[in-house]
Amino acid sequence: MRKINKLNLKSKKVLLRVDFNVPLESGKILDDYRIKVEVPAIKKLMRKKAKIILISHLGRPEGEFKEEFSLKPIKEVLEKYLRKEVLGDRKSVV
C-alpha cells in the first residue's frame, strides 16, 4: 500500500473514514480525543490540495435521523482544530 506522502492528490477526491463517535452529553462533547487524532491526516491531505470527504457516525440511530446523533458538534470542534470551515451538515445518509 502506498503512503499519502507518495501520492499526487492535488484536486483528487479523497474519502476518509474517521472515527468521530465521541461521548456527548446534552449536545456537548465530553472527550474530543478521537477528533484530535484525525487532525494530522486531514491537514496532510489539505496541504496536498486534496478534496476531502469525511465519513463517520455517531451513536446508533437505527436508520433514522435523531438530532441527538447529529455530527454538528463534531463539525464545530473540527473547524476549531483545522482553523478552516468544514462544509456540509447532512443529517442522514442511508
PDB file of N, CA and C in Angstrom:
ATOM      1  N   MET A   1       0.845  -1.175   0.000  1.00  0.00           N
ATOM      2  CA  MET A   1       0.000   0.000   0.000  1.00  0.00           C
ATOM      3  C   MET A   1       0.893   1.243   0.000  1.00  0.00           C
ATOM      4  N   ARG A   2       0.562   2.184  -0.890  1.00  0.00           N
ATOM      5  CA  ARG A   2       1.339   3.411  -0.948  1.00  0.00           C
ATOM      6  C   ARG A   2       0.926   4.360   0.167  1.00  0.00           C
ATOM      7  N   LYS A   3       1.876   5.178   0.604  1.00  0.00           N
ATOM      8  CA  LYS A   3       1.600   6.147   1.652  1.00  0.00           C
ATOM      9  C   LYS A   3       1.134   7.467   1.056  1.00  0.00           C
ATOM     10  N   ILE A   4       0.433   8.231   1.857  1.00  0.00           N
ATOM     11  CA  ILE A   4      -0.081   9.528   1.416  1.00  0.00           C
ATOM     12  C   ILE A   4       1.037  10.405   0.866  1.00  0.00           C
ATOM     13  N   ASN A   5       2.205  10.355   1.495  1.00  0.00           N
ATOM     14  CA  ASN A   5       3.329  11.201   1.075  1.00  0.00           C
ATOM     15  C   ASN A   5       3.722  10.963  -0.376  1.00  0.00           C
ATOM     16  N   LYS A   6       3.528   9.772  -0.867  1.00  0.00           N
ATOM     17  CA  LYS A   6       3.971   9.393  -2.213  1.00  0.00           C
ATOM     18  C   LYS A   6       2.920   9.656  -3.295  1.00  0.00           C
ATOM     19  N   LEU A   7       1.708  10.020  -2.904  1.00  0.00           N
ATOM     20  CA  LEU A   7       0.623  10.168  -3.867  1.00  0.00           C
ATOM     21  C   LEU A   7       0.439  11.621  -4.316  1.00  0.00           C
ATOM     22  N   ASN A   8       0.114  11.802  -5.591  1.00  0.00           N
ATOM     23  CA  ASN A   8      -0.261  13.116  -6.102  1.00  0.00           C
ATOM     24  C   ASN A   8      -1.771  13.242  -5.901  1.00  0.00           C
ATOM     25  N   LEU A   9      -2.166  14.042  -4.915  1.00  0.00           N
ATOM     26  CA  LEU A   9      -3.582  14.146  -4.571  1.00  0.00           C
ATOM     27  C   LEU A   9      -4.193  15.488  -4.954  1.00  0.00           C
ATOM     28  N   LYS A  10      -3.442  16.330  -5.630  1.00  0.00           N
ATOM     29  CA  LYS A  10      -3.944  17.650  -5.992  1.00  0.00           C
ATOM     30  C   LYS A  10      -5.229  17.507  -6.815  1.00  0.00           C
ATOM     31  N   SER A  11      -6.276  18.142  -6.334  1.00  0.00           N
ATOM     32  CA  SER A  11      -7.605  18.138  -6.959  1.00  0.00           C
ATOM     33  C   SER A  11      -8.272  16.764  -6.984  1.00  0.00           C
ATOM     34  N   LYS A  12      -7.716  15.791  -6.303  1.00  0.00           N
ATOM     35  CA  LYS A  12      -8.332  14.461  -6.235  1.00  0.00           C
ATOM     36  C   LYS A  12      -9.286  14.423  -5.047  1.00  0.00           C
ATOM     37  N   LYS A  13     -10.357  13.681  -5.194  1.00  0.00           N
ATOM     38  CA  LYS A  13     -11.289  13.476  -4.087  1.00  0.00           C
ATOM     39  C   LYS A  13     -10.778  12.307  -3.241  1.00  0.00           C
ATOM     40  N   VAL A  14     -10.697  12.544  -1.947  1.00  0.00           N
ATOM     41  CA  VAL A  14     -10.229  11.517  -1.023  1.00  0.00           C
ATOM     42  C   VAL A  14     -11.332  11.257  -0.013  1.00  0.00           C
ATOM     43  N   LEU A  15     -11.797  10.019   0.041  1.00  0.00           N
ATOM     44  CA  LEU A  15     -12.811   9.613   1.005  1.00  0.00           C
ATOM     45  C   LEU A  15     -12.081   9.063   2.229  1.00  0.00           C
ATOM     46  N   LEU A  16     -12.259   9.730   3.355  1.00  0.00           N
ATOM     47  CA  LEU A  16     -11.538   9.356   4.567  1.00  0.00           C
ATOM     48  C   LEU A  16     -12.543   8.949   5.638  1.00  0.00           C
ATOM     49  N   ARG A  17     -12.487   7.701   6.048  1.00  0.00           N
ATOM     50  CA  ARG A  17     -13.359   7.195   7.106  1.00  0.00           C
ATOM     51  C   ARG A  17     -12.693   7.511   8.434  1.00  0.00           C
ATOM     52  N   VAL A  18     -13.380   8.297   9.267  1.00  0.00           N
ATOM     53  CA  VAL A  18     -12.832   8.708  10.553  1.00  0.00           C
ATOM     54  C   VAL A  18     -13.743   8.224  11.672  1.00  0.00           C
ATOM     55  N   ASP A  19     -13.158   8.031  12.836  1.00  0.00           N
ATOM     56  CA  ASP A  19     -13.926   7.589  13.994  1.00  0.00           C
ATOM     57  C   ASP A  19     -14.217   8.791  14.875  1.00  0.00           C
ATOM     58  N   PHE A  20     -15.326   9.462  14.612  1.00  0.00           N
ATOM     59  CA  PHE A  20     -15.734  10.615  15.406  1.00  0.00           C
ATOM     60  C   PHE A  20     -16.866  10.252  16.358  1.00  0.00           C
ATOM     61  N   ASN A  21     -16.982   8.994  16.710  1.00  0.00           N
ATOM     62  CA  ASN A  21     -18.017   8.537  17.631  1.00  0.00           C
ATOM     63  C   ASN A  21     -17.583   8.889  19.059  1.00  0.00           C
ATOM     64  N   VAL A  22     -17.719  10.177  19.404  1.00  0.00           N
ATOM     65  CA  VAL A  22     -17.247  10.705  20.683  1.00  0.00           C
ATOM     66  C   VAL A  22     -18.378  10.735  21.702  1.00  0.00           C
ATOM     67  N   PRO A  23     -18.023  10.725  22.983  1.00  0.00           N
ATOM     68  CA  PRO A  23     -19.065  10.808  24.009  1.00  0.00           C
ATOM     69  C   PRO A  23     -19.665  12.221  24.070  1.00  0.00           C
ATOM     70  N   LEU A  24     -20.980  12.280  24.100  1.00  0.00           N
ATOM     71  CA  LEU A  24     -21.707  13.550  24.175  1.00  0.00           C
ATOM     72  C   LEU A  24     -22.633  13.555  25.378  1.00  0.00           C
ATOM     73  N   GLU A  25     -22.864  14.761  25.878  1.00  0.00           N
ATOM     74  CA  GLU A  25     -23.884  14.940  26.917  1.00  0.00           C
ATOM     75  C   GLU A  25     -24.568  16.271  26.657  1.00  0.00           C
ATOM     76  N   SER A  26     -25.837  16.251  26.437  1.00  0.00           N
ATOM     77  CA  SER A  26     -26.618  17.458  26.130  1.00  0.00           C
ATOM     78  C   SER A  26     -26.029  18.232  24.951  1.00  0.00           C
ATOM     79  N   GLY A  27     -25.563  17.506  23.939  1.00  0.00           N
ATOM     80  CA  GLY A  27     -25.014  18.132  22.742  1.00  0.00           C
ATOM     81  C   GLY A  27     -23.599  18.652  22.879  1.00  0.00           C
ATOM     82  N   LYS A  28     -22.962  18.420  24.010  1.00  0.00           N
ATOM     83  CA  LYS A  28     -21.584  18.873  24.246  1.00  0.00           C
ATOM     84  C   LYS A  28     -20.647  17.675  24.249  1.00  0.00           C
ATOM     85  N   ILE A  29     -19.504  17.845  23.588  1.00  0.00           N
ATOM     86  CA  ILE A  29     -18.512  16.780  23.515  1.00  0.00           C
ATOM     87  C   ILE A  29     -17.778  16.684  24.845  1.00  0.00           C
ATOM     88  N   LEU A  30     -17.747  15.490  25.419  1.00  0.00           N
ATOM     89  CA  LEU A  30     -17.078  15.276  26.696  1.00  0.00           C
ATOM     90  C   LEU A  30     -15.590  14.987  26.522  1.00  0.00           C
ATOM     91  N   ASP A  31     -15.230  14.345  25.420  1.00  0.00           N
ATOM     92  CA  ASP A  31     -13.836  13.990  25.166  1.00  0.00           C
ATOM     93  C   ASP A  31     -13.603  14.057  23.657  1.00  0.00           C
ATOM     94  N   ASP A  32     -12.731  14.971  23.211  1.00  0.00           N
ATOM     95  CA  ASP A  32     -12.512  15.159  21.775  1.00  0.00           C
ATOM     96  C   ASP A  32     -11.266  14.440  21.252  1.00  0.00           C
ATOM     97  N   TYR A  33     -10.750  13.481  22.003  1.00  0.00           N
ATOM     98  CA  TYR A  33      -9.536  12.766  21.597  1.00  0.00           C
ATOM     99  C   TYR A  33      -9.654  12.158  20.195  1.00  0.00           C
ATOM    100  N   ARG A  34     -10.770  11.540  19.888  1.00  0.00           N
ATOM    101  CA  ARG A  34     -10.939  10.883  18.582  1.00  0.00           C
ATOM    102  C   ARG A  34     -10.914  11.892  17.435  1.00  0.00           C
ATOM    103  N   ILE A  35     -11.306  13.109  17.706  1.00  0.00           N
ATOM    104  CA  ILE A  35     -11.236  14.161  16.686  1.00  0.00           C
ATOM    105  C   ILE A  35      -9.787  14.611  16.529  1.00  0.00           C
ATOM    106  N   LYS A  36      -9.118  14.869  17.645  1.00  0.00           N
ATOM    107  CA  LYS A  36      -7.725  15.350  17.627  1.00  0.00           C
ATOM    108  C   LYS A  36      -6.795  14.419  16.862  1.00  0.00           C
ATOM    109  N   VAL A  37      -6.963  13.117  17.037  1.00  0.00           N
ATOM    110  CA  VAL A  37      -6.027  12.181  16.406  1.00  0.00           C
ATOM    111  C   VAL A  37      -6.171  12.137  14.890  1.00  0.00           C
ATOM    112  N   GLU A  38      -7.299  12.570  14.362  1.00  0.00           N
ATOM    113  CA  GLU A  38      -7.505  12.580  12.909  1.00  0.00           C
ATOM    114  C   GLU A  38      -6.990  13.862  12.261  1.00  0.00           C
ATOM    115  N   VAL A  39      -6.777  14.908  13.038  1.00  0.00           N
ATOM    116  CA  VAL A  39      -6.380  16.215  12.502  1.00  0.00           C
ATOM    117  C   VAL A  39      -5.083  16.159  11.689  1.00  0.00           C
ATOM    118  N   PRO A  40      -4.015  15.487  12.134  1.00  0.00           N
ATOM    119  CA  PRO A  40      -2.788  15.466  11.325  1.00  0.00           C
ATOM    120  C   PRO A  40      -3.002  14.879   9.923  1.00  0.00           C
ATOM    121  N   ALA A  41      -3.759  13.812   9.817  1.00  0.00           N
ATOM    122  CA  ALA A  41      -4.015  13.208   8.494  1.00  0.00           C
ATOM    123  C   ALA A  41      -4.830  14.151   7.620  1.00  0.00           C
ATOM    124  N   ILE A  42      -5.827  14.801   8.210  1.00  0.00           N
ATOM    125  CA  ILE A  42      -6.657  15.735   7.455  1.00  0.00           C
ATOM    126  C   ILE A  42      -5.811  16.914   6.985  1.00  0.00           C
ATOM    127  N   LYS A  43      -4.962  17.439   7.864  1.00  0.00           N
ATOM    128  CA  LYS A  43      -4.094  18.565   7.493  1.00  0.00           C
ATOM    129  C   LYS A  43      -3.117  18.172   6.388  1.00  0.00           C
ATOM    130  N   LYS A  44      -2.609  16.965   6.456  1.00  0.00           N
ATOM    131  CA  LYS A  44      -1.696  16.492   5.407  1.00  0.00           C
ATOM    132  C   LYS A  44      -2.407  16.472   4.053  1.00  0.00           C
ATOM    133  N   LEU A  45      -3.630  15.982   4.035  1.00  0.00           N
ATOM    134  CA  LEU A  45      -4.423  15.967   2.800  1.00  0.00           C
ATOM    135  C   LEU A  45      -4.726  17.386   2.327  1.00  0.00           C
ATOM    136  N   MET A  46      -4.986  18.290   3.270  1.00  0.00           N
ATOM    137  CA  MET A  46      -5.232  19.684   2.910  1.00  0.00           C
ATOM    138  C   MET A  46      -3.993  20.306   2.255  1.00  0.00           C
ATOM    139  N   ARG A  47      -2.820  20.028   2.814  1.00  0.00           N
ATOM    140  CA  ARG A  47      -1.569  20.551   2.239  1.00  0.00           C
ATOM    141  C   ARG A  47      -1.340  20.026   0.835  1.00  0.00           C
ATOM    142  N   LYS A  48      -1.814  18.820   0.577  1.00  0.00           N
ATOM    143  CA  LYS A  48      -1.660  18.225  -0.752  1.00  0.00           C
ATOM    144  C   LYS A  48      -2.765  18.672  -1.707  1.00  0.00           C
ATOM    145  N   LYS A  49      -3.634  19.588  -1.244  1.00  0.00           N
ATOM    146  CA  LYS A  49      -4.709  20.169  -2.057  1.00  0.00           C
ATOM    147  C   LYS A  49      -5.756  19.146  -2.488  1.00  0.00           C
ATOM    148  N   ALA A  50      -5.938  18.112  -1.677  1.00  0.00           N
ATOM    149  CA  ALA A  50      -6.963  17.108  -1.964  1.00  0.00           C
ATOM    150  C   ALA A  50      -8.331  17.658  -1.588  1.00  0.00           C
ATOM    151  N   LYS A  51      -9.363  17.163  -2.248  1.00  0.00           N
ATOM    152  CA  LYS A  51     -10.744  17.459  -1.881  1.00  0.00           C
ATOM    153  C   LYS A  51     -11.169  16.336  -0.937  1.00  0.00           C
ATOM    154  N   ILE A  52     -11.343  16.666   0.316  1.00  0.00           N
ATOM    155  CA  ILE A  52     -11.521  15.655   1.354  1.00  0.00           C
ATOM    156  C   ILE A  52     -12.996  15.483   1.698  1.00  0.00           C
ATOM    157  N   ILE A  53     -13.422  14.238   1.705  1.00  0.00           N
ATOM    158  CA  ILE A  53     -14.774  13.883   2.124  1.00  0.00           C
ATOM    159  C   ILE A  53     -14.618  12.993   3.361  1.00  0.00           C
ATOM    160  N   LEU A  54     -15.113  13.490   4.478  1.00  0.00           N
ATOM    161  CA  LEU A  54     -15.023  12.729   5.726  1.00  0.00           C
ATOM    162  C   LEU A  54     -16.329  11.984   5.952  1.00  0.00           C
ATOM    163  N   ILE A  55     -16.226  10.738   6.358  1.00  0.00           N
ATOM    164  CA  ILE A  55     -17.418   9.986   6.737  1.00  0.00           C
ATOM    165  C   ILE A  55     -17.216   9.438   8.142  1.00  0.00           C
ATOM    166  N   SER A  56     -18.269   9.481   8.907  1.00  0.00           N
ATOM    167  CA  SER A  56     -18.236   8.986  10.272  1.00  0.00           C
ATOM    168  C   SER A  56     -19.674   8.700  10.703  1.00  0.00           C
ATOM    169  N   HIS A  57     -19.825   8.289  11.923  1.00  0.00           N
ATOM    170  CA  HIS A  57     -21.153   8.118  12.500  1.00  0.00           C
ATOM    171  C   HIS A  57     -21.060   8.494  13.963  1.00  0.00           C
ATOM    172  N   LEU A  58     -22.207   8.646  14.551  1.00  0.00           N
ATOM    173  CA  LEU A  58     -22.266   8.991  15.959  1.00  0.00           C
ATOM    174  C   LEU A  58     -23.432   8.226  16.559  1.00  0.00           C
ATOM    175  N   GLY A  59     -23.144   7.394  17.501  1.00  0.00           N
ATOM    176  CA  GLY A  59     -24.203   6.641  18.158  1.00  0.00           C
ATOM    177  C   GLY A  59     -24.792   5.544  17.286  1.00  0.00           C
ATOM    178  N   ARG A  60     -25.961   5.089  17.657  1.00  0.00           N
ATOM    179  CA  ARG A  60     -26.668   4.017  16.953  1.00  0.00           C
ATOM    180  C   ARG A  60     -28.102   4.454  16.659  1.00  0.00           C
ATOM    181  N   PRO A  61     -28.301   5.268  15.618  1.00  0.00           N
ATOM    182  CA  PRO A  61     -29.639   5.827  15.374  1.00  0.00           C
ATOM    183  C   PRO A  61     -30.659   4.887  14.740  1.00  0.00           C
ATOM    184  N   GLU A  62     -30.325   3.646  14.445  1.00  0.00           N
ATOM    185  CA  GLU A  62     -31.249   2.657  13.883  1.00  0.00           C
ATOM    186  C   GLU A  62     -31.909   3.108  12.587  1.00  0.00           C
ATOM    187  N   GLY A  63     -31.107   3.713  11.683  1.00  0.00           N
ATOM    188  CA  GLY A  63     -31.576   4.027  10.343  1.00  0.00           C
ATOM    189  C   GLY A  63     -32.412   5.275  10.173  1.00  0.00           C
ATOM    190  N   GLU A  64     -32.663   6.006  11.220  1.00  0.00           N
ATOM    191  CA  GLU A  64     -33.424   7.237  11.071  1.00  0.00           C
ATOM    192  C   GLU A  64     -32.695   8.378  11.773  1.00  0.00           C
ATOM    193  N   PHE A  65     -32.915   9.602  11.287  1.00  0.00           N
ATOM    194  CA  PHE A  65     -32.247  10.756  11.866  1.00  0.00           C
ATOM    195  C   PHE A  65     -32.817  11.089  13.233  1.00  0.00           C
ATOM    196  N   LYS A  66     -31.906  11.282  14.176  1.00  0.00           N
ATOM    197  CA  LYS A  66     -32.262  11.755  15.513  1.00  0.00           C
ATOM    198  C   LYS A  66     -31.293  12.872  15.837  1.00  0.00           C
ATOM    199  N   GLU A  67     -31.820  14.015  16.226  1.00  0.00           N
ATOM    200  CA  GLU A  67     -30.996  15.204  16.481  1.00  0.00           C
ATOM    201  C   GLU A  67     -29.854  14.912  17.451  1.00  0.00           C
ATOM    202  N   GLU A  68     -30.072  14.059  18.421  1.00  0.00           N
ATOM    203  CA  GLU A  68     -29.036  13.764  19.424  1.00  0.00           C
ATOM    204  C   GLU A  68     -27.807  13.083  18.823  1.00  0.00           C
ATOM    205  N   PHE A  69     -27.930  12.534  17.597  1.00  0.00           N
ATOM    206  CA  PHE A  69     -26.807  11.887  16.938  1.00  0.00           C
ATOM    207  C   PHE A  69     -26.228  12.735  15.799  1.00  0.00           C
ATOM    208  N   SER A  70     -26.572  14.008  15.752  1.00  0.00           N
ATOM    209  CA  SER A  70     -26.057  14.909  14.726  1.00  0.00           C
ATOM    210  C   SER A  70     -24.542  15.080  14.891  1.00  0.00           C
ATOM    211  N   LEU A  71     -23.850  15.185  13.772  1.00  0.00           N
ATOM    212  CA  LEU A  71     -22.402  15.419  13.795  1.00  0.00           C
ATOM    213  C   LEU A  71     -22.060  16.907  13.897  1.00  0.00           C
ATOM    214  N   LYS A  72     -23.052  17.748  14.080  1.00  0.00           N
ATOM    215  CA  LYS A  72     -22.803  19.193  14.149  1.00  0.00           C
ATOM    216  C   LYS A  72     -21.798  19.574  15.244  1.00  0.00           C
ATOM    217  N   PRO A  73     -21.876  19.023  16.468  1.00  0.00           N
ATOM    218  CA  PRO A  73     -20.868  19.376  17.475  1.00  0.00           C
ATOM    219  C   PRO A  73     -19.448  18.970  17.047  1.00  0.00           C
ATOM    220  N   ILE A  74     -19.332  17.858  16.339  1.00  0.00           N
ATOM    221  CA  ILE A  74     -18.025  17.408  15.855  1.00  0.00           C
ATOM    222  C   ILE A  74     -17.509  18.385  14.809  1.00  0.00           C
ATOM    223  N   LYS A  75     -18.390  18.808  13.913  1.00  0.00           N
ATOM    224  CA  LYS A  75     -18.028  19.771  12.868  1.00  0.00           C
ATOM    225  C   LYS A  75     -17.457  21.043  13.491  1.00  0.00           C
ATOM    226  N   GLU A  76     -18.100  21.541  14.534  1.00  0.00           N
ATOM    227  CA  GLU A  76     -17.656  22.776  15.182  1.00  0.00           C
ATOM    228  C   GLU A  76     -16.270  22.612  15.805  1.00  0.00           C
ATOM    229  N   VAL A  77     -16.021  21.492  16.468  1.00  0.00           N
ATOM    230  CA  VAL A  77     -14.709  21.247  17.075  1.00  0.00           C
ATOM    231  C   VAL A  77     -13.649  21.059  15.995  1.00  0.00           C
ATOM    232  N   LEU A  78     -13.999  20.336  14.950  1.00  0.00           N
ATOM    233  CA  LEU A  78     -13.057  20.108  13.851  1.00  0.00           C
ATOM    234  C   LEU A  78     -12.661  21.434  13.198  1.00  0.00           C
ATOM    235  N   GLU A  79     -13.605  22.330  13.013  1.00  0.00           N
ATOM    236  CA  GLU A  79     -13.301  23.648  12.446  1.00  0.00           C
ATOM    237  C   GLU A  79     -12.314  24.407  13.331  1.00  0.00           C
ATOM    238  N   LYS A  80     -12.466  24.273  14.630  1.00  0.00           N
ATOM    239  CA  LYS A  80     -11.553  24.933  15.571  1.00  0.00           C
ATOM    240  C   LYS A  80     -10.136  24.390  15.396  1.00  0.00           C
ATOM    241  N   TYR A  81      -9.984  23.061  15.314  1.00  0.00           N
ATOM    242  CA  TYR A  81      -8.660  22.458  15.184  1.00  0.00           C
ATOM    243  C   TYR A  81      -8.018  22.715  13.815  1.00  0.00           C
ATOM    244  N   LEU A  82      -8.841  22.734  12.776  1.00  0.00           N
ATOM    245  CA  LEU A  82      -8.312  22.935  11.425  1.00  0.00           C
ATOM    246  C   LEU A  82      -8.168  24.416  11.073  1.00  0.00           C
ATOM    247  N   ARG A  83      -8.816  25.270  11.862  1.00  0.00           N
ATOM    248  CA  ARG A  83      -8.855  26.714  11.567  1.00  0.00           C
ATOM    249  C   ARG A  83      -9.365  26.959  10.147  1.00  0.00           C
ATOM    250  N   LYS A  84     -10.390  26.211   9.805  1.00  0.00           N
ATOM    251  CA  LYS A  84     -10.968  26.279   8.468  1.00  0.00           C
ATOM    252  C   LYS A  84     -12.413  25.810   8.555  1.00  0.00           C
ATOM    253  N   GLU A  85     -13.256  26.390   7.698  1.00  0.00           N
ATOM    254  CA  GLU A  85     -14.651  25.991   7.668  1.00  0.00           C
ATOM    255  C   GLU A  85     -14.777  24.569   7.121  1.00  0.00           C
ATOM    256  N   VAL A  86     -15.602  23.788   7.758  1.00  0.00           N
ATOM    257  CA  VAL A  86     -15.921  22.442   7.297  1.00  0.00           C
ATOM    258  C   VAL A  86     -17.307  22.508   6.683  1.00  0.00           C
ATOM    259  N   LEU A  87     -17.391  22.177   5.418  1.00  0.00           N
ATOM    260  CA  LEU A  87     -18.661  22.277   4.700  1.00  0.00           C
ATOM    261  C   LEU A  87     -19.514  21.050   4.940  1.00  0.00           C
ATOM    262  N   GLY A  88     -20.820  21.252   4.813  1.00  0.00           N
ATOM    263  CA  GLY A  88     -21.744  20.123   4.881  1.00  0.00           C
ATOM    264  C   GLY A  88     -22.196  19.815   6.274  1.00  0.00           C
ATOM    265  N   ASP A  89     -23.443  19.521   6.368  1.00  0.00           N
ATOM    266  CA  ASP A  89     -24.010  19.091   7.648  1.00  0.00           C
ATOM    267  C   ASP A  89     -25.187  18.163   7.376  1.00  0.00           C
ATOM    268  N   ARG A  90     -24.947  17.221   6.475  1.00  0.00           N
ATOM    269  CA  ARG A  90     -26.010  16.286   6.104  1.00  0.00           C
ATOM    270  C   ARG A  90     -26.516  15.596   7.345  1.00  0.00           C
ATOM    271  N   LYS A  91     -27.804  15.485   7.439  1.00  0.00           N
ATOM    272  CA  LYS A  91     -28.399  14.880   8.622  1.00  0.00           C
ATOM    273  C   LYS A  91     -28.409  13.375   8.563  1.00  0.00           C
ATOM    274  N   SER A  92     -28.572  12.837   7.388  1.00  0.00           N
ATOM    275  CA  SER A  92     -28.715  11.398   7.311  1.00  0.00           C
ATOM    276  C   SER A  92     -28.347  10.905   5.907  1.00  0.00           C
ATOM    277  N   VAL A  93     -27.617   9.844   5.886  1.00  0.00           N
ATOM    278  CA  VAL A  93     -27.324   9.170   4.628  1.00  0.00           C
ATOM    279  C   VAL A  93     -27.662   7.709   4.845  1.00  0.00           C
ATOM    280  N   VAL A  94     -28.514   7.188   4.013  1.00  0.00           N
ATOM    281  CA  VAL A  94     -28.932   5.787   4.176  1.00  0.00           C
ATOM    282  C   VAL A  94     -28.347   4.968   3.053  1.00  0.00           C
TER     283      VAL A  94
END
